[in-house]
Amino acid sequence: MGGAFVNASKLDKFNNFLQYIAPSKYGTEIYFRIISDKLKDSDPVKHEKYLEFYNYTMGYGLCYLYLYLIGVVYLILGMIVITLKNRPLK
């Protein structure tokens, strides 16, 4: 779903929405950017076309920021769910 096996620009609307709340999209982009950085030295144009083809245009900074924010949001939601589930029954 994050673009590792399917070109992310070719997804339907529902999966396109899901990829933005799933951390796999951002982790996959970071992973492919690390791999493609080896191409950057030999052919910078090919490096950019490779990233654009797979729709990896966010960059390292935004990916790390979104991964951090998703982690914090999931942590807060988890704490809310645990708190609500552990309330005494009346």
N, C-alpha and C. Protein backbone atom coordinates (compact mmCIF):
# COMPACT_ATOMS: atom_id res chain seq x y z
N MET A 1 0.81 -1.19 0.00
CA MET A 1 0.00 0.00 0.00
C MET A 1 0.86 1.25 0.00
N GLY A 2 2.03 1.20 0.55
CA GLY A 2 2.85 2.40 0.65
C GLY A 2 3.65 2.68 -0.60
N GLY A 3 3.48 1.91 -1.64
CA GLY A 3 4.20 2.14 -2.87
C GLY A 3 5.37 1.20 -3.05
N ALA A 4 5.56 0.26 -2.15
CA ALA A 4 6.69 -0.66 -2.28
C ALA A 4 6.48 -1.66 -3.40
N PHE A 5 5.24 -2.11 -3.60
CA PHE A 5 4.97 -3.11 -4.62
C PHE A 5 4.10 -2.59 -5.74
N VAL A 6 3.44 -1.48 -5.52
CA VAL A 6 2.54 -0.88 -6.51
C VAL A 6 2.87 0.60 -6.61
N ASN A 7 2.85 1.11 -7.82
CA ASN A 7 3.05 2.54 -8.01
C ASN A 7 1.94 3.28 -7.27
N ALA A 8 2.31 4.10 -6.30
CA ALA A 8 1.33 4.75 -5.42
C ALA A 8 0.40 5.69 -6.18
N SER A 9 0.80 6.17 -7.33
CA SER A 9 -0.07 7.08 -8.08
C SER A 9 -1.17 6.33 -8.83
N LYS A 10 -1.12 5.00 -8.85
CA LYS A 10 -2.11 4.21 -9.58
C LYS A 10 -3.16 3.57 -8.67
N LEU A 11 -3.20 3.96 -7.40
CA LEU A 11 -4.15 3.37 -6.46
C LEU A 11 -5.53 3.99 -6.60
N ASP A 12 -6.55 3.23 -6.19
CA ASP A 12 -7.90 3.79 -6.20
C ASP A 12 -8.05 4.78 -5.04
N LYS A 13 -9.20 5.46 -4.97
CA LYS A 13 -9.37 6.56 -4.00
C LYS A 13 -9.27 6.10 -2.56
N PHE A 14 -9.86 4.95 -2.22
CA PHE A 14 -9.85 4.48 -0.84
C PHE A 14 -8.43 4.13 -0.40
N ASN A 15 -7.71 3.38 -1.21
CA ASN A 15 -6.33 3.02 -0.86
C ASN A 15 -5.42 4.23 -0.91
N ASN A 16 -5.72 5.17 -1.77
CA ASN A 16 -4.94 6.40 -1.82
C ASN A 16 -5.07 7.16 -0.50
N PHE A 17 -6.29 7.17 0.08
CA PHE A 17 -6.48 7.80 1.38
C PHE A 17 -5.77 7.01 2.48
N LEU A 18 -5.89 5.70 2.45
CA LEU A 18 -5.29 4.87 3.49
C LEU A 18 -3.77 5.01 3.55
N GLN A 19 -3.15 5.22 2.43
CA GLN A 19 -1.69 5.29 2.44
C GLN A 19 -1.18 6.50 3.22
N TYR A 20 -1.98 7.53 3.37
CA TYR A 20 -1.52 8.71 4.09
C TYR A 20 -1.62 8.57 5.60
N ILE A 21 -2.41 7.61 6.09
CA ILE A 21 -2.48 7.40 7.54
C ILE A 21 -1.71 6.16 7.95
N ALA A 22 -1.13 5.46 7.00
CA ALA A 22 -0.34 4.26 7.30
C ALA A 22 1.15 4.64 7.33
N PRO A 23 1.85 4.24 8.37
CA PRO A 23 3.27 4.58 8.45
C PRO A 23 4.13 3.89 7.39
N SER A 24 3.61 2.85 6.76
CA SER A 24 4.41 2.13 5.77
C SER A 24 4.75 3.01 4.57
N LYS A 25 3.88 3.95 4.21
CA LYS A 25 4.16 4.84 3.08
C LYS A 25 5.42 5.64 3.31
N TYR A 26 5.54 6.20 4.50
CA TYR A 26 6.68 7.07 4.80
C TYR A 26 7.95 6.27 5.02
N GLY A 27 7.81 5.12 5.67
CA GLY A 27 8.98 4.25 5.85
C GLY A 27 9.50 3.73 4.52
N THR A 28 8.58 3.39 3.62
CA THR A 28 8.97 2.89 2.30
C THR A 28 9.66 3.99 1.50
N GLU A 29 9.16 5.20 1.59
CA GLU A 29 9.81 6.29 0.86
C GLU A 29 11.22 6.53 1.37
N ILE A 30 11.40 6.51 2.67
CA ILE A 30 12.75 6.68 3.24
C ILE A 30 13.66 5.56 2.76
N TYR A 31 13.15 4.33 2.80
CA TYR A 31 13.93 3.17 2.38
C TYR A 31 14.36 3.29 0.91
N PHE A 32 13.41 3.63 0.03
CA PHE A 32 13.75 3.75 -1.39
C PHE A 32 14.65 4.96 -1.65
N ARG A 33 14.52 6.01 -0.87
CA ARG A 33 15.43 7.15 -1.04
C ARG A 33 16.86 6.76 -0.66
N ILE A 34 17.01 5.97 0.39
CA ILE A 34 18.34 5.51 0.79
C ILE A 34 18.94 4.65 -0.31
N ILE A 35 18.13 3.74 -0.86
CA ILE A 35 18.62 2.88 -1.95
C ILE A 35 18.96 3.70 -3.18
N SER A 36 18.09 4.65 -3.54
CA SER A 36 18.31 5.40 -4.78
C SER A 36 19.39 6.46 -4.64
N ASP A 37 19.81 6.77 -3.43
CA ASP A 37 20.91 7.73 -3.27
C ASP A 37 22.20 7.21 -3.90
N LYS A 38 22.31 5.91 -4.04
CA LYS A 38 23.48 5.34 -4.72
C LYS A 38 23.46 5.68 -6.21
N LEU A 39 22.27 5.85 -6.77
CA LEU A 39 22.16 6.25 -8.18
C LEU A 39 22.49 7.72 -8.39
N LYS A 40 22.34 8.49 -7.34
CA LYS A 40 22.50 9.94 -7.44
C LYS A 40 23.89 10.33 -7.93
N ASP A 41 24.91 9.60 -7.46
CA ASP A 41 26.29 9.91 -7.85
C ASP A 41 26.54 9.59 -9.32
N SER A 42 25.98 8.47 -9.79
CA SER A 42 26.26 8.08 -11.17
C SER A 42 25.39 8.82 -12.18
N ASP A 43 24.12 9.04 -11.85
CA ASP A 43 23.22 9.71 -12.80
C ASP A 43 22.12 10.46 -12.03
N PRO A 44 22.32 11.76 -11.75
CA PRO A 44 21.33 12.51 -10.97
C PRO A 44 19.95 12.60 -11.63
N VAL A 45 19.89 12.64 -12.95
CA VAL A 45 18.62 12.74 -13.65
C VAL A 45 17.83 11.44 -13.47
N LYS A 46 18.52 10.32 -13.59
CA LYS A 46 17.87 9.02 -13.41
C LYS A 46 17.37 8.88 -11.97
N HIS A 47 18.12 9.40 -11.04
CA HIS A 47 17.73 9.36 -9.62
C HIS A 47 16.41 10.09 -9.41
N GLU A 48 16.27 11.29 -9.94
CA GLU A 48 15.04 12.06 -9.78
C GLU A 48 13.86 11.42 -10.50
N LYS A 49 14.08 10.88 -11.70
CA LYS A 49 13.00 10.24 -12.44
C LYS A 49 12.53 8.97 -11.73
N TYR A 50 13.46 8.27 -11.12
CA TYR A 50 13.13 7.06 -10.37
C TYR A 50 12.21 7.41 -9.20
N LEU A 51 12.54 8.45 -8.47
CA LEU A 51 11.72 8.85 -7.32
C LEU A 51 10.36 9.38 -7.77
N GLU A 52 10.31 10.15 -8.84
CA GLU A 52 9.04 10.69 -9.32
C GLU A 52 8.14 9.59 -9.88
N PHE A 53 8.73 8.58 -10.51
CA PHE A 53 7.95 7.48 -11.07
C PHE A 53 7.17 6.77 -9.97
N TYR A 54 7.80 6.55 -8.83
CA TYR A 54 7.13 5.88 -7.72
C TYR A 54 6.41 6.85 -6.79
N ASN A 55 6.32 8.09 -7.16
CA ASN A 55 5.60 9.12 -6.42
C ASN A 55 6.21 9.37 -5.04
N TYR A 56 7.54 9.33 -4.97
CA TYR A 56 8.26 9.63 -3.73
C TYR A 56 8.81 11.05 -3.84
N THR A 57 7.99 12.01 -3.52
CA THR A 57 8.39 13.40 -3.71
C THR A 57 8.39 14.20 -2.41
N MET A 58 8.23 13.53 -1.27
CA MET A 58 8.12 14.25 -0.01
C MET A 58 9.47 14.65 0.57
N GLY A 59 10.45 13.79 0.47
CA GLY A 59 11.76 14.07 1.04
C GLY A 59 11.92 13.46 2.42
N TYR A 60 13.17 13.41 2.87
CA TYR A 60 13.48 12.79 4.16
C TYR A 60 12.80 13.51 5.33
N GLY A 61 12.91 14.83 5.36
CA GLY A 61 12.42 15.60 6.50
C GLY A 61 10.94 15.40 6.76
N LEU A 62 10.12 15.53 5.72
CA LEU A 62 8.68 15.37 5.89
C LEU A 62 8.32 13.93 6.26
N CYS A 63 9.01 12.97 5.68
CA CYS A 63 8.72 11.57 6.02
C CYS A 63 9.00 11.29 7.48
N TYR A 64 10.16 11.76 7.98
CA TYR A 64 10.48 11.55 9.39
C TYR A 64 9.49 12.29 10.29
N LEU A 65 9.10 13.49 9.89
CA LEU A 65 8.13 14.25 10.67
C LEU A 65 6.78 13.54 10.73
N TYR A 66 6.28 13.07 9.58
CA TYR A 66 5.00 12.38 9.55
C TYR A 66 5.05 11.07 10.32
N LEU A 67 6.16 10.34 10.24
CA LEU A 67 6.29 9.11 11.03
C LEU A 67 6.22 9.41 12.51
N TYR A 68 6.88 10.48 12.93
CA TYR A 68 6.84 10.87 14.33
C TYR A 68 5.43 11.27 14.74
N LEU A 69 4.77 12.09 13.93
CA LEU A 69 3.41 12.54 14.26
C LEU A 69 2.41 11.39 14.28
N ILE A 70 2.52 10.47 13.34
CA ILE A 70 1.63 9.30 13.33
C ILE A 70 1.86 8.47 14.59
N GLY A 71 3.11 8.30 15.00
CA GLY A 71 3.40 7.56 16.22
C GLY A 71 2.79 8.22 17.44
N VAL A 72 2.89 9.54 17.52
CA VAL A 72 2.31 10.26 18.66
C VAL A 72 0.79 10.15 18.66
N VAL A 73 0.17 10.31 17.51
CA VAL A 73 -1.29 10.22 17.42
C VAL A 73 -1.76 8.81 17.79
N TYR A 74 -1.09 7.78 17.28
CA TYR A 74 -1.47 6.41 17.62
C TYR A 74 -1.27 6.15 19.11
N LEU A 75 -0.23 6.70 19.70
CA LEU A 75 0.01 6.54 21.13
C LEU A 75 -1.12 7.18 21.94
N ILE A 76 -1.49 8.40 21.57
CA ILE A 76 -2.57 9.10 22.28
C ILE A 76 -3.89 8.35 22.12
N LEU A 77 -4.20 7.91 20.89
CA LEU A 77 -5.44 7.15 20.67
C LEU A 77 -5.43 5.85 21.47
N GLY A 78 -4.29 5.19 21.54
CA GLY A 78 -4.19 3.97 22.33
C GLY A 78 -4.42 4.22 23.80
N MET A 79 -3.87 5.32 24.31
CA MET A 79 -4.09 5.67 25.72
C MET A 79 -5.56 5.97 26.00
N ILE A 80 -6.22 6.64 25.07
CA ILE A 80 -7.65 6.94 25.24
C ILE A 80 -8.47 5.66 25.26
N VAL A 81 -8.18 4.75 24.34
CA VAL A 81 -8.92 3.49 24.28
C VAL A 81 -8.70 2.68 25.56
N ILE A 82 -7.46 2.60 26.03
CA ILE A 82 -7.19 1.85 27.26
C ILE A 82 -7.90 2.48 28.44
N THR A 83 -7.89 3.79 28.52
CA THR A 83 -8.57 4.49 29.62
C THR A 83 -10.08 4.22 29.58
N LEU A 84 -10.67 4.28 28.41
CA LEU A 84 -12.12 4.04 28.28
C LEU A 84 -12.48 2.58 28.56
N LYS A 85 -11.63 1.66 28.17
CA LYS A 85 -11.92 0.25 28.40
C LYS A 85 -11.74 -0.15 29.85
N ASN A 86 -10.90 0.56 30.61
CA ASN A 86 -10.62 0.20 31.99
C ASN A 86 -11.50 0.90 33.00
N ARG A 87 -12.50 1.63 32.53
CA ARG A 87 -13.42 2.26 33.46
C ARG A 87 -14.29 1.19 34.12
N PRO A 88 -14.62 1.37 35.38
CA PRO A 88 -15.46 0.37 36.07
C PRO A 88 -16.88 0.35 35.47
N LEU A 89 -17.43 -0.84 35.40
CA LEU A 89 -18.78 -0.99 34.88
C LEU A 89 -19.79 -0.54 35.94
N LYS A 90 -20.86 0.08 35.50
CA LYS A 90 -21.88 0.56 36.44
C LYS A 90 -23.14 -0.26 36.31
